[in-house]
Amino acid sequence: MRTTRGKILRTGRRAHLVVAHEQLVGLMTAEALHSVPQQDWDVTSVQAVMLPKEKLHWAAPEEPALSLLDRMRNVGMQQMPVIAGEALSASSHVIRSFTYASPR
């Protein structure tokens, strides 16, 4: 968790995709990180606090913008990761940052 905190602070991004074996497995947010007491960081895994892929709302790059905005409003999201394909290029211990769509 200390490594994850460092990456979140260093990049300034509020969320990062979690990748294992080049596959998306979830999303780690700054809010999820801060939900774990600092004294528990050394014994808490990213998988224990991340939002799993099955619960993650995301968009494909080819999704029409109006459709995406409607979905974002329906689920109350101001940002949504845009993901192309299933496989991501990263090693199993890397948390990879994402591109997001914002309804501005």
Protein backbone atom coordinates (compact mmCIF):
# COMPACT_ATOMS: atom_id res chain seq x y z
CA MET A 1 0.00 0.00 0.00
CA ARG A 2 2.91 2.40 0.63
CA THR A 3 4.02 1.95 -2.99
CA THR A 4 0.47 2.57 -4.20
CA ARG A 5 0.21 5.72 -2.07
CA GLY A 6 3.49 6.94 -3.51
CA LYS A 7 2.29 6.42 -7.06
CA ILE A 8 -1.02 8.18 -6.41
CA LEU A 9 0.72 11.14 -4.77
CA ARG A 10 3.47 11.29 -7.42
CA THR A 11 1.09 11.28 -10.40
CA GLY A 12 -1.61 13.46 -8.85
CA ARG A 13 -4.25 11.17 -10.36
CA ARG A 14 -7.16 10.14 -8.16
CA ALA A 15 -7.42 6.62 -9.54
CA HIS A 16 -5.31 3.93 -11.18
CA LEU A 17 -6.18 0.75 -13.02
CA VAL A 18 -4.88 -2.40 -11.35
CA VAL A 19 -3.38 -4.86 -13.83
CA ALA A 20 -2.34 -8.49 -13.26
CA HIS A 21 -0.90 -10.71 -16.00
CA GLU A 22 -1.71 -8.01 -18.57
CA GLN A 23 -5.41 -8.13 -17.61
CA LEU A 24 -7.45 -5.43 -15.92
CA VAL A 25 -8.48 -6.63 -12.45
CA GLY A 26 -9.76 -3.45 -10.81
CA LEU A 27 -9.46 0.21 -9.96
CA MET A 28 -7.58 1.71 -7.01
CA THR A 29 -8.74 5.14 -5.90
CA ALA A 30 -7.26 7.65 -3.51
CA GLU A 31 -10.48 7.35 -1.48
CA ALA A 32 -10.02 3.57 -1.15
CA LEU A 33 -6.40 4.07 -0.12
CA HIS A 34 -7.37 6.57 2.57
CA SER A 35 -10.02 4.18 3.92
CA VAL A 36 -7.20 1.97 5.25
CA PRO A 37 -5.53 3.19 8.46
CA GLN A 38 -1.88 4.01 7.81
CA GLN A 39 -0.70 1.50 10.42
CA ASP A 40 -2.38 -1.27 8.33
CA TRP A 41 -0.76 -0.39 4.99
CA ASP A 42 2.02 -2.96 5.36
CA VAL A 43 -0.47 -5.79 5.89
CA THR A 44 -3.24 -4.72 3.46
CA SER A 45 -3.14 -5.69 -0.21
CA VAL A 46 -4.33 -3.50 -3.07
CA GLN A 47 -6.77 -6.29 -4.01
CA ALA A 48 -8.40 -6.01 -0.58
CA VAL A 49 -9.48 -2.39 -1.10
CA MET A 50 -9.66 -1.86 -4.87
CA LEU A 51 -12.91 -1.75 -6.82
CA PRO A 52 -12.97 -5.09 -8.71
CA LYS A 53 -13.34 -5.09 -12.50
CA GLU A 54 -16.80 -6.66 -12.23
CA LYS A 55 -18.09 -3.55 -10.41
CA LEU A 56 -16.21 -1.02 -12.54
CA HIS A 57 -18.10 1.26 -14.94
CA TRP A 58 -16.01 1.96 -18.04
CA ALA A 59 -16.32 3.14 -21.63
CA ALA A 60 -14.87 1.93 -24.92
CA PRO A 61 -13.07 4.52 -27.09
CA GLU A 62 -15.63 4.06 -29.86
CA GLU A 63 -18.66 4.70 -27.61
CA PRO A 64 -20.63 7.74 -28.81
CA ALA A 65 -20.10 10.74 -26.52
CA LEU A 66 -23.83 11.35 -25.90
CA SER A 67 -24.34 7.71 -24.92
CA LEU A 68 -21.40 7.94 -22.52
CA LEU A 69 -22.70 11.16 -20.96
CA ASP A 70 -26.13 9.56 -20.44
CA ARG A 71 -24.56 6.53 -18.74
CA MET A 72 -22.40 8.75 -16.55
CA ARG A 73 -25.42 10.77 -15.44
CA ASN A 74 -27.43 7.59 -14.78
CA VAL A 75 -24.76 6.16 -12.44
CA GLY A 76 -23.77 9.52 -10.94
CA MET A 77 -20.19 9.55 -12.20
CA GLN A 78 -18.18 12.61 -13.18
CA GLN A 79 -15.30 10.56 -14.60
CA MET A 80 -15.16 7.19 -16.30
CA PRO A 81 -12.14 5.19 -17.45
CA VAL A 82 -11.87 4.61 -21.18
CA ILE A 83 -10.51 1.13 -21.86
CA ALA A 84 -9.60 -0.39 -25.23
CA GLY A 85 -9.54 -4.20 -25.29
CA GLU A 86 -9.09 -6.76 -22.53
CA ALA A 87 -5.31 -7.13 -22.36
CA LEU A 88 -3.18 -4.32 -20.96
CA SER A 89 0.57 -4.13 -21.21
CA ALA A 90 1.94 -4.10 -17.65
CA SER A 91 3.58 -6.46 -15.19
CA SER A 92 1.50 -8.05 -12.44
CA HIS A 93 2.65 -5.68 -9.69
CA VAL A 94 2.17 -2.41 -11.57
CA ILE A 95 -0.78 -0.13 -11.04
CA ARG A 96 -1.35 1.57 -14.37
CA SER A 97 -3.02 4.96 -14.69
CA PHE A 98 -6.00 5.49 -16.97
CA THR A 99 -7.44 7.98 -19.45
CA TYR A 100 -10.87 9.19 -18.47
CA ALA A 101 -13.86 10.86 -20.04
CA SER A 102 -15.32 13.82 -18.18
CA PRO A 103 -18.74 15.42 -18.83
CA ARG A 104 -17.45 18.97 -19.21
